[in-house]
Amino acid sequence: MARIFITGSADGLGQMAATLLVQQGHTVILHARNPARAQQALQATPGVNTALSADLSSIQQTIRLAEEVNRLGPIDAVIHNAAVGYREPTRIATVDGLPQVFAVNSLAPYILTCLIKRPTRLIYISSGLHRQTDGGLDDLEWKKTKWNGFKAYSDSKLHDVIIAFAVARKWKDVYANALEPGWVATKMGGSSAPDNLEDGPKTQAWLAVSNDPAALVTGEYFYHMRPTPFNPLAKDGKVQENFLQQCEKLSGIAFPS
């Protein structure tokens, strides 16, 4: 049985994936943004004994979270699920002065990928919206560009695919993939979302633990357990290196070779 760490698993798709994996007999470590939410997550997810807390909008807290995960022992898979949505009308700055959407959705997965002892599988939750953007790589901090919450979110979801594909290119001993769960009726997706909520957590759970040959791949992008088209910028090595270098500059953490 596998040990899986899932960010942003106090509710929504993260909690659903955790429940599905526990039902399959795996050990899951939950994450929430504060201790109160972590306790709520434990109560809402029978069979889970550990929930860590950290505000992923803070570089310092994200680093501390990686250290806490490492102290728990080897992890077989990490599902990078935590995210904030696209309804921010203004640029909300974090304690580090970064846009909250970028800090949580993009930089935190980068930091955790760099610092958590290398698992066998890494899964990054993206969105179909990533196909509609260039990633805003010339202004990740939104200092020169007029704020657009929808674009900032779409950019961040492309960043997640970039990280997944960069890992797949650089770390040959890791299965690294990205996926879109569909537009489902979670707190972020809203009650009018048209896709099947029950299908939302299945692909990430499958990629985390399955020995199905279709899941034992790397550098792929999935929708409902099938490869699906993605923004070609994510496969561009120069784009990947540009993004990783900017994340290193902003976080002070270099991507491991």
Protein backbone atom coordinates (compact mmCIF):
# COMPACT_ATOMS: atom_id res chain seq x y z
CA MET A 1 0.00 0.00 0.00
CA ALA A 2 1.15 3.55 -0.77
CA ARG A 3 1.61 6.70 1.33
CA ILE A 4 0.20 9.78 -0.37
CA PHE A 5 0.37 13.44 0.61
CA ILE A 6 -2.39 15.66 -0.78
CA THR A 7 -2.24 19.45 -0.53
CA GLY A 8 -5.49 21.33 -0.07
CA SER A 9 -7.34 18.25 1.14
CA ALA A 10 -9.61 19.75 3.80
CA ASP A 11 -12.52 19.75 1.38
CA GLY A 12 -13.42 19.56 -2.29
CA LEU A 13 -11.55 17.36 -4.74
CA GLY A 14 -8.59 16.98 -2.39
CA GLN A 15 -10.75 15.48 0.32
CA MET A 16 -12.59 13.33 -2.21
CA ALA A 17 -9.31 11.93 -3.54
CA ALA A 18 -8.17 11.26 0.04
CA THR A 19 -11.37 9.38 0.83
CA LEU A 20 -11.09 7.31 -2.33
CA LEU A 21 -7.47 6.36 -1.59
CA VAL A 22 -8.22 5.46 2.03
CA GLN A 23 -11.07 3.23 0.87
CA GLN A 24 -8.52 1.44 -1.32
CA GLY A 25 -6.34 0.78 1.74
CA HIS A 26 -3.69 3.46 1.26
CA THR A 27 -2.26 5.84 3.87
CA VAL A 28 -3.08 9.49 3.24
CA ILE A 29 -1.61 12.62 4.80
CA LEU A 30 -3.93 15.58 4.60
CA HIS A 31 -3.12 19.27 4.40
CA ALA A 32 -5.09 22.40 5.29
CA ARG A 33 -4.20 26.07 5.47
CA ASN A 34 -4.49 26.34 9.28
CA PRO A 35 -4.74 24.05 12.34
CA ALA A 36 -8.51 24.45 12.71
CA ARG A 37 -9.08 23.39 9.13
CA ALA A 38 -6.67 20.48 9.59
CA GLN A 39 -8.74 19.19 12.52
CA GLN A 40 -11.93 19.56 10.48
CA ALA A 41 -10.26 17.59 7.67
CA LEU A 42 -9.38 14.74 10.04
CA GLN A 43 -12.93 14.56 11.35
CA ALA A 44 -14.35 14.58 7.82
CA THR A 45 -12.04 11.87 6.46
CA PRO A 46 -12.32 8.61 8.44
CA GLY A 47 -9.25 6.43 8.24
CA VAL A 48 -6.79 9.33 8.12
CA ASN A 49 -4.62 9.97 11.18
CA THR A 50 -2.42 12.87 10.06
CA ALA A 51 -3.27 16.34 8.82
CA LEU A 52 -0.62 19.04 8.46
CA SER A 53 -1.31 22.75 8.33
CA ALA A 54 0.43 25.52 6.41
CA ASP A 55 -0.63 28.62 4.54
CA LEU A 56 0.76 28.01 1.06
CA SER A 57 0.65 31.71 0.27
CA SER A 58 3.67 32.05 2.59
CA ILE A 59 7.07 30.89 1.35
CA GLN A 60 8.24 30.29 4.92
CA GLN A 61 5.20 28.18 5.83
CA THR A 62 5.48 26.20 2.60
CA ILE A 63 9.12 25.39 3.38
CA ARG A 64 8.10 24.32 6.88
CA LEU A 65 5.39 22.08 5.42
CA ALA A 66 7.94 20.29 3.24
CA GLU A 67 10.11 19.72 6.31
CA GLU A 68 7.16 18.27 8.23
CA VAL A 69 6.31 15.93 5.38
CA ASN A 70 9.92 14.72 5.26
CA ARG A 71 9.92 14.03 8.99
CA LEU A 72 7.00 11.65 8.51
CA GLY A 73 9.14 9.36 6.38
CA PRO A 74 9.12 8.34 2.73
CA ILE A 75 6.15 9.41 0.60
CA ASP A 76 5.19 7.41 -2.47
CA ALA A 77 3.13 10.12 -4.17
CA VAL A 78 2.26 13.78 -3.83
CA ILE A 79 -0.93 15.22 -5.29
CA HIS A 80 -0.53 18.98 -5.71
CA ASN A 81 -4.19 19.88 -5.38
CA ALA A 82 -4.29 23.13 -3.35
CA ALA A 83 -5.42 26.20 -5.24
CA VAL A 84 -7.26 29.48 -4.97
CA GLY A 85 -9.73 30.49 -7.66
CA TYR A 86 -10.17 33.19 -10.25
CA ARG A 87 -12.69 35.46 -8.57
CA GLU A 88 -10.18 37.88 -7.03
CA PRO A 89 -11.19 41.37 -8.25
CA THR A 90 -7.85 42.89 -7.23
CA ARG A 91 -4.27 41.72 -6.82
CA ILE A 92 -4.15 40.28 -3.29
CA ALA A 93 -0.56 40.42 -2.03
CA THR A 94 0.88 37.73 0.23
CA VAL A 95 3.25 38.26 3.15
CA ASP A 96 6.03 37.95 0.56
CA GLY A 97 4.49 40.57 -1.70
CA LEU A 98 3.45 38.08 -4.38
CA PRO A 99 0.00 37.68 -5.96
CA GLN A 100 -1.89 35.15 -3.86
CA VAL A 101 -3.00 33.14 -6.91
CA PHE A 102 0.58 32.73 -8.10
CA ALA A 103 1.94 32.00 -4.61
CA VAL A 104 -0.54 29.22 -3.82
CA ASN A 105 -1.19 27.72 -7.25
CA SER A 106 2.27 28.02 -8.82
CA LEU A 107 5.10 28.79 -6.42
CA ALA A 108 3.99 26.47 -3.61
CA PRO A 109 3.98 23.37 -5.87
CA TYR A 110 7.43 24.40 -7.10
CA ILE A 111 8.77 24.74 -3.55
CA LEU A 112 7.22 21.48 -2.35
CA THR A 113 8.51 19.66 -5.42
CA CYS A 114 12.01 20.93 -4.70
CA LEU A 115 12.02 20.20 -0.97
CA ILE A 116 9.95 17.06 -0.32
CA LYS A 117 12.16 13.98 -0.57
CA ARG A 118 11.62 12.70 -4.06
CA PRO A 119 8.56 10.42 -4.27
CA THR A 120 7.88 7.92 -7.03
CA ARG A 121 4.91 9.85 -8.38
CA LEU A 122 4.01 13.52 -8.64
CA ILE A 123 0.58 14.70 -9.76
CA TYR A 124 -0.31 18.32 -10.50
CA ILE A 125 -3.93 19.48 -10.77
CA SER A 126 -4.41 21.86 -13.66
CA SER A 127 -7.45 23.10 -15.59
CA GLY A 128 -8.61 23.24 -19.17
CA LEU A 129 -8.18 27.00 -18.84
CA HIS A 130 -4.41 26.50 -19.08
CA ARG A 131 -4.81 26.13 -22.85
CA GLN A 132 -6.03 29.72 -23.16
CA THR A 133 -2.96 31.52 -21.86
CA ASP A 134 0.73 32.19 -22.43
CA GLY A 135 1.47 31.86 -18.71
CA GLY A 136 2.34 35.52 -18.17
CA LEU A 137 5.98 34.56 -17.80
CA ASP A 138 7.14 38.11 -18.47
CA ASP A 139 5.31 39.38 -15.37
CA LEU A 140 4.65 36.60 -12.86
CA GLU A 141 4.28 39.15 -10.07
CA TRP A 142 1.69 41.23 -11.95
CA LYS A 143 3.65 44.41 -11.31
CA LYS A 144 3.53 45.73 -14.88
CA THR A 145 0.21 44.29 -16.02
CA LYS A 146 -3.30 45.39 -15.09
CA TRP A 147 -4.75 42.73 -12.80
CA ASN A 148 -7.04 40.12 -14.31
CA GLY A 149 -8.02 37.38 -11.88
CA PHE A 150 -9.25 35.02 -14.57
CA LYS A 151 -5.98 35.25 -16.50
CA ALA A 152 -3.91 34.97 -13.31
CA TYR A 153 -5.70 31.72 -12.49
CA SER A 154 -5.33 30.40 -16.05
CA ASP A 155 -1.63 31.31 -15.97
CA SER A 156 -1.18 29.42 -12.72
CA LYS A 157 -2.76 26.30 -14.16
CA LEU A 158 -0.31 26.42 -17.08
CA HIS A 159 2.50 26.80 -14.53
CA ASP A 160 1.40 23.53 -12.91
CA VAL A 161 1.70 21.70 -16.23
CA ILE A 162 5.08 23.33 -16.85
CA ILE A 163 6.33 22.03 -13.49
CA ALA A 164 5.00 18.53 -14.17
CA PHE A 165 6.66 18.34 -17.57
CA ALA A 166 9.91 19.85 -16.31
CA VAL A 167 10.05 17.19 -13.59
CA ALA A 168 9.33 14.49 -16.17
CA ARG A 169 12.20 15.76 -18.31
CA LYS A 170 14.70 16.14 -15.49
CA TRP A 171 13.88 13.32 -13.06
CA LYS A 172 13.79 10.06 -14.97
CA ASP A 173 13.04 8.05 -11.82
CA VAL A 174 9.72 9.84 -11.17
CA TYR A 175 6.34 9.60 -12.83
CA ALA A 176 5.25 13.23 -13.12
CA ASN A 177 1.95 14.12 -14.76
CA ALA A 178 -0.72 16.81 -14.80
CA LEU A 179 -4.47 16.61 -15.24
CA GLU A 180 -7.70 18.52 -15.38
CA PRO A 181 -10.45 17.11 -13.15
CA GLY A 182 -13.18 18.86 -15.13
CA TRP A 183 -15.39 21.78 -14.19
CA VAL A 184 -17.13 20.25 -11.21
CA ALA A 185 -19.39 21.58 -8.48
CA THR A 186 -16.87 22.20 -5.71
CA LYS A 187 -16.57 25.41 -3.69
CA MET A 188 -14.22 26.71 -6.36
CA GLY A 189 -16.14 25.38 -9.36
CA GLY A 190 -19.52 26.66 -8.23
CA SER A 191 -22.90 24.95 -8.05
CA SER A 192 -23.62 25.31 -11.79
CA ALA A 193 -20.50 23.40 -12.92
CA PRO A 194 -21.55 20.88 -15.61
CA ASP A 195 -19.08 18.00 -15.18
CA ASN A 196 -19.60 14.90 -13.05
CA LEU A 197 -18.33 15.59 -9.52
CA GLU A 198 -17.90 11.89 -8.79
CA ASP A 199 -15.36 11.62 -11.63
CA GLY A 200 -13.39 14.64 -10.39
CA PRO A 201 -10.95 12.86 -8.00
CA LYS A 202 -10.53 9.58 -9.88
CA THR A 203 -7.67 10.45 -12.22
CA GLN A 204 -5.37 11.87 -9.53
CA ALA A 205 -6.00 8.86 -7.26
CA TRP A 206 -5.34 6.50 -10.19
CA LEU A 207 -2.09 8.23 -11.12
CA ALA A 208 -0.98 8.17 -7.48
CA VAL A 209 -1.24 4.43 -6.92
CA SER A 210 -2.31 2.38 -9.93
CA ASN A 211 -0.06 -0.20 -11.57
CA ASP A 212 -2.10 0.03 -14.73
CA PRO A 213 0.46 0.54 -17.55
CA ALA A 214 -1.59 3.53 -18.69
CA ALA A 215 -0.86 5.21 -15.33
CA LEU A 216 2.84 4.31 -15.25
CA VAL A 217 3.82 7.10 -17.62
CA THR A 218 5.46 10.49 -17.25
CA GLY A 219 5.12 13.86 -18.89
CA GLU A 220 1.47 13.31 -19.82
CA TYR A 221 -1.66 15.40 -19.38
CA PHE A 222 -4.93 13.65 -18.51
CA TYR A 223 -8.66 14.19 -18.40
CA HIS A 224 -10.75 11.39 -16.86
CA MET A 225 -7.86 8.90 -17.02
CA ARG A 226 -7.14 9.50 -20.69
CA PRO A 227 -4.40 11.61 -22.27
CA THR A 228 -5.84 14.85 -23.63
CA PRO A 229 -4.41 17.85 -25.53
CA PHE A 230 -2.46 20.46 -23.57
CA ASN A 231 -0.87 23.85 -24.16
CA PRO A 232 2.33 23.11 -26.14
CA LEU A 233 4.21 25.81 -24.22
CA ALA A 234 4.38 23.38 -21.29
CA LYS A 235 6.63 21.01 -23.26
CA ASP A 236 9.02 23.76 -24.39
CA GLY A 237 12.32 23.26 -22.53
CA LYS A 238 13.18 26.96 -22.74
CA VAL A 239 9.82 27.90 -21.27
CA GLN A 240 10.33 25.37 -18.49
CA GLU A 241 13.80 26.69 -17.66
CA ASN A 242 12.58 30.29 -17.69
CA PHE A 243 9.80 29.46 -15.27
CA LEU A 244 12.00 27.39 -12.95
CA GLN A 245 14.63 30.13 -12.84
CA GLN A 246 12.04 32.75 -11.96
CA CYS A 247 10.64 30.53 -9.21
CA GLU A 248 14.15 30.06 -7.86
CA LYS A 249 14.69 33.81 -7.81
CA LEU A 250 11.40 34.48 -6.03
CA SER A 251 11.68 31.65 -3.48
CA GLY A 252 15.43 31.37 -3.00
CA ILE A 253 15.15 27.63 -3.68
CA ALA A 254 16.93 26.02 -6.63
CA PHE A 255 15.37 23.14 -8.52
CA PRO A 256 17.34 19.97 -7.65
CA SER A 257 19.30 18.31 -10.43
